[in-house]
PDB file of N, CA and C in Angstrom:
ATOM      1  N   MET A   1       0.822  -1.192   0.000  1.00  0.00           N
ATOM      2  CA  MET A   1       0.000   0.000   0.000  1.00  0.00           C
ATOM      3  C   MET A   1       0.866   1.256   0.000  1.00  0.00           C
ATOM      4  N   LEU A   2       1.906   1.248   0.826  1.00  0.00           N
ATOM      5  CA  LEU A   2       2.789   2.413   0.882  1.00  0.00           C
ATOM      6  C   LEU A   2       3.546   2.608  -0.431  1.00  0.00           C
ATOM      7  N   GLU A   3       3.851   1.511  -1.102  1.00  0.00           N
ATOM      8  CA  GLU A   3       4.532   1.624  -2.396  1.00  0.00           C
ATOM      9  C   GLU A   3       3.633   2.314  -3.415  1.00  0.00           C
ATOM     10  N   TRP A   4       2.351   1.943  -3.419  1.00  0.00           N
ATOM     11  CA  TRP A   4       1.400   2.554  -4.357  1.00  0.00           C
ATOM     12  C   TRP A   4       1.287   4.043  -4.092  1.00  0.00           C
ATOM     13  N   ILE A   5       1.204   4.432  -2.809  1.00  0.00           N
ATOM     14  CA  ILE A   5       1.101   5.844  -2.458  1.00  0.00           C
ATOM     15  C   ILE A   5       2.353   6.590  -2.890  1.00  0.00           C
ATOM     16  N   SER A   6       3.511   6.022  -2.657  1.00  0.00           N
ATOM     17  CA  SER A   6       4.754   6.706  -3.023  1.00  0.00           C
ATOM     18  C   SER A   6       4.912   6.798  -4.543  1.00  0.00           C
ATOM     19  N   GLU A   7       4.406   5.828  -5.280  1.00  0.00           N
ATOM     20  CA  GLU A   7       4.489   5.864  -6.738  1.00  0.00           C
ATOM     21  C   GLU A   7       3.506   6.864  -7.341  1.00  0.00           C
ATOM     22  N   ASN A   8       2.402   7.136  -6.651  1.00  0.00           N
ATOM     23  CA  ASN A   8       1.355   7.998  -7.192  1.00  0.00           C
ATOM     24  C   ASN A   8       1.183   9.295  -6.406  1.00  0.00           C
ATOM     25  N   THR A   9       2.208   9.741  -5.730  1.00  0.00           N
ATOM     26  CA  THR A   9       2.120  10.956  -4.915  1.00  0.00           C
ATOM     27  C   THR A   9       1.744  12.161  -5.765  1.00  0.00           C
ATOM     28  N   GLY A  10       2.332  12.299  -6.917  1.00  0.00           N
ATOM     29  CA  GLY A  10       2.023  13.426  -7.807  1.00  0.00           C
ATOM     30  C   GLY A  10       0.572  13.429  -8.235  1.00  0.00           C
ATOM     31  N   ASN A  11       0.076  12.275  -8.613  1.00  0.00           N
ATOM     32  CA  ASN A  11      -1.333  12.170  -9.025  1.00  0.00           C
ATOM     33  C   ASN A  11      -2.277  12.466  -7.864  1.00  0.00           C
ATOM     34  N   ILE A  12      -1.922  12.007  -6.676  1.00  0.00           N
ATOM     35  CA  ILE A  12      -2.760  12.248  -5.506  1.00  0.00           C
ATOM     36  C   ILE A  12      -2.805  13.737  -5.186  1.00  0.00           C
ATOM     37  N   ILE A  13      -1.668  14.418  -5.257  1.00  0.00           N
ATOM     38  CA  ILE A  13      -1.612  15.854  -4.960  1.00  0.00           C
ATOM     39  C   ILE A  13      -2.412  16.643  -5.985  1.00  0.00           C
ATOM     40  N   VAL A  14      -2.216  16.363  -7.263  1.00  0.00           N
ATOM     41  CA  VAL A  14      -2.943  17.079  -8.315  1.00  0.00           C
ATOM     42  C   VAL A  14      -4.442  16.810  -8.211  1.00  0.00           C
ATOM     43  N   GLY A  15      -4.810  15.577  -7.973  1.00  0.00           N
ATOM     44  CA  GLY A  15      -6.223  15.245  -7.822  1.00  0.00           C
ATOM     45  C   GLY A  15      -6.852  15.949  -6.622  1.00  0.00           C
ATOM     46  N   SER A  16      -6.122  16.043  -5.542  1.00  0.00           N
ATOM     47  CA  SER A  16      -6.620  16.742  -4.355  1.00  0.00           C
ATOM     48  C   SER A  16      -6.805  18.229  -4.623  1.00  0.00           C
ATOM     49  N   ILE A  17      -5.876  18.833  -5.342  1.00  0.00           N
ATOM     50  CA  ILE A  17      -5.984  20.258  -5.677  1.00  0.00           C
ATOM     51  C   ILE A  17      -7.191  20.505  -6.580  1.00  0.00           C
ATOM     52  N   VAL A  18      -7.379  19.670  -7.573  1.00  0.00           N
ATOM     53  CA  VAL A  18      -8.522  19.823  -8.484  1.00  0.00           C
ATOM     54  C   VAL A  18      -9.833  19.641  -7.724  1.00  0.00           C
ATOM     55  N   ALA A  19      -9.900  18.647  -6.857  1.00  0.00           N
ATOM     56  CA  ALA A  19     -11.113  18.418  -6.069  1.00  0.00           C
ATOM     57  C   ALA A  19     -11.397  19.604  -5.155  1.00  0.00           C
ATOM     58  N   ALA A  20     -10.351  20.171  -4.541  1.00  0.00           N
ATOM     59  CA  ALA A  20     -10.528  21.336  -3.668  1.00  0.00           C
ATOM     60  C   ALA A  20     -11.042  22.533  -4.458  1.00  0.00           C
ATOM     61  N   LEU A  21     -10.527  22.754  -5.659  1.00  0.00           N
ATOM     62  CA  LEU A  21     -10.983  23.869  -6.489  1.00  0.00           C
ATOM     63  C   LEU A  21     -12.447  23.706  -6.893  1.00  0.00           C
ATOM     64  N   ILE A  22     -12.838  22.499  -7.203  1.00  0.00           N
ATOM     65  CA  ILE A  22     -14.237  22.241  -7.568  1.00  0.00           C
ATOM     66  C   ILE A  22     -15.150  22.489  -6.369  1.00  0.00           C
ATOM     67  N   ILE A  23     -14.735  22.048  -5.192  1.00  0.00           N
ATOM     68  CA  ILE A  23     -15.537  22.264  -3.990  1.00  0.00           C
ATOM     69  C   ILE A  23     -15.650  23.754  -3.673  1.00  0.00           C
ATOM     70  N   ILE A  24     -14.550  24.489  -3.792  1.00  0.00           N
ATOM     71  CA  ILE A  24     -14.573  25.938  -3.555  1.00  0.00           C
ATOM     72  C   ILE A  24     -15.512  26.625  -4.542  1.00  0.00           C
ATOM     73  N   ASP A  25     -15.479  26.209  -5.800  1.00  0.00           N
ATOM     74  CA  ASP A  25     -16.346  26.799  -6.819  1.00  0.00           C
ATOM     75  C   ASP A  25     -17.823  26.528  -6.514  1.00  0.00           C
ATOM     76  N   ILE A  26     -18.145  25.323  -6.104  1.00  0.00           N
ATOM     77  CA  ILE A  26     -19.527  24.983  -5.763  1.00  0.00           C
ATOM     78  C   ILE A  26     -19.997  25.806  -4.570  1.00  0.00           C
ATOM     79  N   ILE A  27     -19.156  25.936  -3.543  1.00  0.00           N
ATOM     80  CA  ILE A  27     -19.517  26.736  -2.378  1.00  0.00           C
ATOM     81  C   ILE A  27     -19.746  28.187  -2.770  1.00  0.00           C
ATOM     82  N   TYR A  28     -18.889  28.724  -3.642  1.00  0.00           N
ATOM     83  CA  TYR A  28     -19.046  30.103  -4.104  1.00  0.00           C
ATOM     84  C   TYR A  28     -20.370  30.293  -4.853  1.00  0.00           C
ATOM     85  N   LEU A  29     -20.707  29.366  -5.734  1.00  0.00           N
ATOM     86  CA  LEU A  29     -21.941  29.468  -6.491  1.00  0.00           C
ATOM     87  C   LEU A  29     -23.174  29.364  -5.588  1.00  0.00           C
ATOM     88  N   VAL A  30     -23.106  28.503  -4.578  1.00  0.00           N
ATOM     89  CA  VAL A  30     -24.220  28.377  -3.643  1.00  0.00           C
ATOM     90  C   VAL A  30     -24.398  29.680  -2.869  1.00  0.00           C
ATOM     91  N   HIS A  31     -23.313  30.282  -2.412  1.00  0.00           N
ATOM     92  CA  HIS A  31     -23.406  31.546  -1.681  1.00  0.00           C
ATOM     93  C   HIS A  31     -23.955  32.660  -2.562  1.00  0.00           C
ATOM     94  N   GLN A  32     -23.549  32.692  -3.817  1.00  0.00           N
ATOM     95  CA  GLN A  32     -24.067  33.707  -4.730  1.00  0.00           C
ATOM     96  C   GLN A  32     -25.562  33.501  -4.966  1.00  0.00           C
ATOM     97  N   ARG A  33     -25.986  32.272  -5.058  1.00  0.00           N
ATOM     98  CA  ARG A  33     -27.398  31.963  -5.271  1.00  0.00           C
ATOM     99  C   ARG A  33     -28.228  32.359  -4.050  1.00  0.00           C
ATOM    100  N   ILE A  34     -27.685  32.118  -2.854  1.00  0.00           N
ATOM    101  CA  ILE A  34     -28.381  32.487  -1.628  1.00  0.00           C
ATOM    102  C   ILE A  34     -28.531  34.006  -1.550  1.00  0.00           C
ATOM    103  N   LYS A  35     -27.517  34.745  -1.997  1.00  0.00           N
ATOM    104  CA  LYS A  35     -27.567  36.207  -1.974  1.00  0.00           C
ATOM    105  C   LYS A  35     -28.501  36.753  -3.050  1.00  0.00           C
ATOM    106  N   GLY A  36     -28.966  35.912  -3.961  1.00  0.00           N
ATOM    107  CA  GLY A  36     -29.888  36.325  -5.001  1.00  0.00           C
ATOM    108  C   GLY A  36     -29.217  36.884  -6.234  1.00  0.00           C
ATOM    109  N   LYS A  37     -27.936  36.639  -6.383  1.00  0.00           N
ATOM    110  CA  LYS A  37     -27.224  37.143  -7.554  1.00  0.00           C
ATOM    111  C   LYS A  37     -27.340  36.168  -8.707  1.00  0.00           C
ATOM    112  N   SER A  38     -27.183  36.705  -9.906  1.00  0.00           N
ATOM    113  CA  SER A  38     -27.268  35.898 -11.108  1.00  0.00           C
ATOM    114  C   SER A  38     -26.029  35.021 -11.242  1.00  0.00           C
ATOM    115  N   SER A  39     -26.188  33.854 -11.825  1.00  0.00           N
ATOM    116  CA  SER A  39     -25.045  32.958 -11.992  1.00  0.00           C
ATOM    117  C   SER A  39     -24.177  33.340 -13.182  1.00  0.00           C
ATOM    118  N   CYS A  40     -24.734  34.108 -14.122  1.00  0.00           N
ATOM    119  CA  CYS A  40     -23.953  34.452 -15.311  1.00  0.00           C
ATOM    120  C   CYS A  40     -23.100  35.690 -15.089  1.00  0.00           C
ATOM    121  N   GLY A  41     -23.474  36.571 -14.162  1.00  0.00           N
ATOM    122  CA  GLY A  41     -22.693  37.754 -13.864  1.00  0.00           C
ATOM    123  C   GLY A  41     -22.880  38.891 -14.845  1.00  0.00           C
ATOM    124  N   CYS A  42     -23.830  38.786 -15.732  1.00  0.00           N
ATOM    125  CA  CYS A  42     -24.066  39.823 -16.736  1.00  0.00           C
ATOM    126  C   CYS A  42     -25.184  40.761 -16.288  1.00  0.00           C
ATOM    127  N   ASP A  43     -25.416  41.797 -17.091  1.00  0.00           N
ATOM    128  CA  ASP A  43     -26.490  42.725 -16.831  1.00  0.00           C
ATOM    129  C   ASP A  43     -27.800  42.069 -17.230  1.00  0.00           C
ATOM    130  N   CYS A  44     -28.717  41.929 -16.269  1.00  0.00           N
ATOM    131  CA  CYS A  44     -29.979  41.244 -16.540  1.00  0.00           C
ATOM    132  C   CYS A  44     -30.912  42.074 -17.418  1.00  0.00           C
ATOM    133  N   GLY A  45     -30.641  43.358 -17.570  1.00  0.00           N
ATOM    134  CA  GLY A  45     -31.505  44.211 -18.380  1.00  0.00           C
ATOM    135  C   GLY A  45     -31.493  43.844 -19.852  1.00  0.00           C
ATOM    136  N   CYS A  46     -30.384  43.330 -20.347  1.00  0.00           N
ATOM    137  CA  CYS A  46     -30.294  42.990 -21.765  1.00  0.00           C
ATOM    138  C   CYS A  46     -30.300  41.473 -21.988  1.00  0.00           C
ATOM    139  N   CYS A  47     -30.738  40.740 -20.987  1.00  0.00           N
ATOM    140  CA  CYS A  47     -30.791  39.290 -21.092  1.00  0.00           C
ATOM    141  C   CYS A  47     -32.154  38.870 -21.641  1.00  0.00           C
ATOM    142  N   SER A  48     -32.185  37.829 -22.441  1.00  0.00           N
ATOM    143  CA  SER A  48     -33.453  37.346 -22.991  1.00  0.00           C
ATOM    144  C   SER A  48     -34.328  36.721 -21.912  1.00  0.00           C
ATOM    145  N   MET A  49     -33.740  36.325 -20.793  1.00  0.00           N
ATOM    146  CA  MET A  49     -34.487  35.745 -19.688  1.00  0.00           C
ATOM    147  C   MET A  49     -34.726  36.767 -18.574  1.00  0.00           C
ATOM    148  N   ASN A  50     -34.724  38.049 -18.915  1.00  0.00           N
ATOM    149  CA  ASN A  50     -34.894  39.129 -17.954  1.00  0.00           C
ATOM    150  C   ASN A  50     -36.156  38.918 -17.114  1.00  0.00           C
ATOM    151  N   GLY A  51     -35.993  38.891 -15.796  1.00  0.00           N
ATOM    152  CA  GLY A  51     -37.127  38.725 -14.902  1.00  0.00           C
ATOM    153  C   GLY A  51     -37.542  37.277 -14.682  1.00  0.00           C
ATOM    154  N   GLN A  52     -36.929  36.333 -15.351  1.00  0.00           N
ATOM    155  CA  GLN A  52     -37.310  34.922 -15.213  1.00  0.00           C
ATOM    156  C   GLN A  52     -36.366  34.148 -14.305  1.00  0.00           C
ATOM    157  N   CYS A  53     -35.075  34.391 -14.423  1.00  0.00           N
ATOM    158  CA  CYS A  53     -34.118  33.553 -13.681  1.00  0.00           C
ATOM    159  C   CYS A  53     -33.844  34.075 -12.283  1.00  0.00           C
ATOM    160  N   ASN A  54     -34.007  35.345 -12.034  1.00  0.00           N
ATOM    161  CA  ASN A  54     -33.635  35.927 -10.749  1.00  0.00           C
ATOM    162  C   ASN A  54     -34.756  36.837 -10.265  1.00  0.00           C
ATOM    163  N   LYS A  55     -35.863  36.249  -9.880  1.00  0.00           N
ATOM    164  CA  LYS A  55     -37.020  37.033  -9.461  1.00  0.00           C
ATOM    165  C   LYS A  55     -36.765  37.657  -8.105  1.00  0.00           C
ATOM    166  N   LYS A  56     -37.165  38.904  -7.964  1.00  0.00           N
ATOM    167  CA  LYS A  56     -37.046  39.609  -6.689  1.00  0.00           C
ATOM    168  C   LYS A  56     -38.137  39.129  -5.758  1.00  0.00           C
ATOM    169  N   LYS A  57     -37.801  39.004  -4.477  1.00  0.00           N
ATOM    170  CA  LYS A  57     -38.787  38.572  -3.488  1.00  0.00           C
ATOM    171  C   LYS A  57     -39.515  39.753  -2.938  1.00  0.00           C
TER     172      LYS A  57
END
């Protein structure tokens, strides 16, 4: 088992970094959604879905 870990240390580190970045991105998107912000980050006034995706409460 230790041999496998030592042979794949680089892959484990890179995979962990990628997984952490994906988790951070998901958390960021959830927080933005809770705050009521749009996921696209554009001006909703010129969007074809204006008033549909981000309704005011």
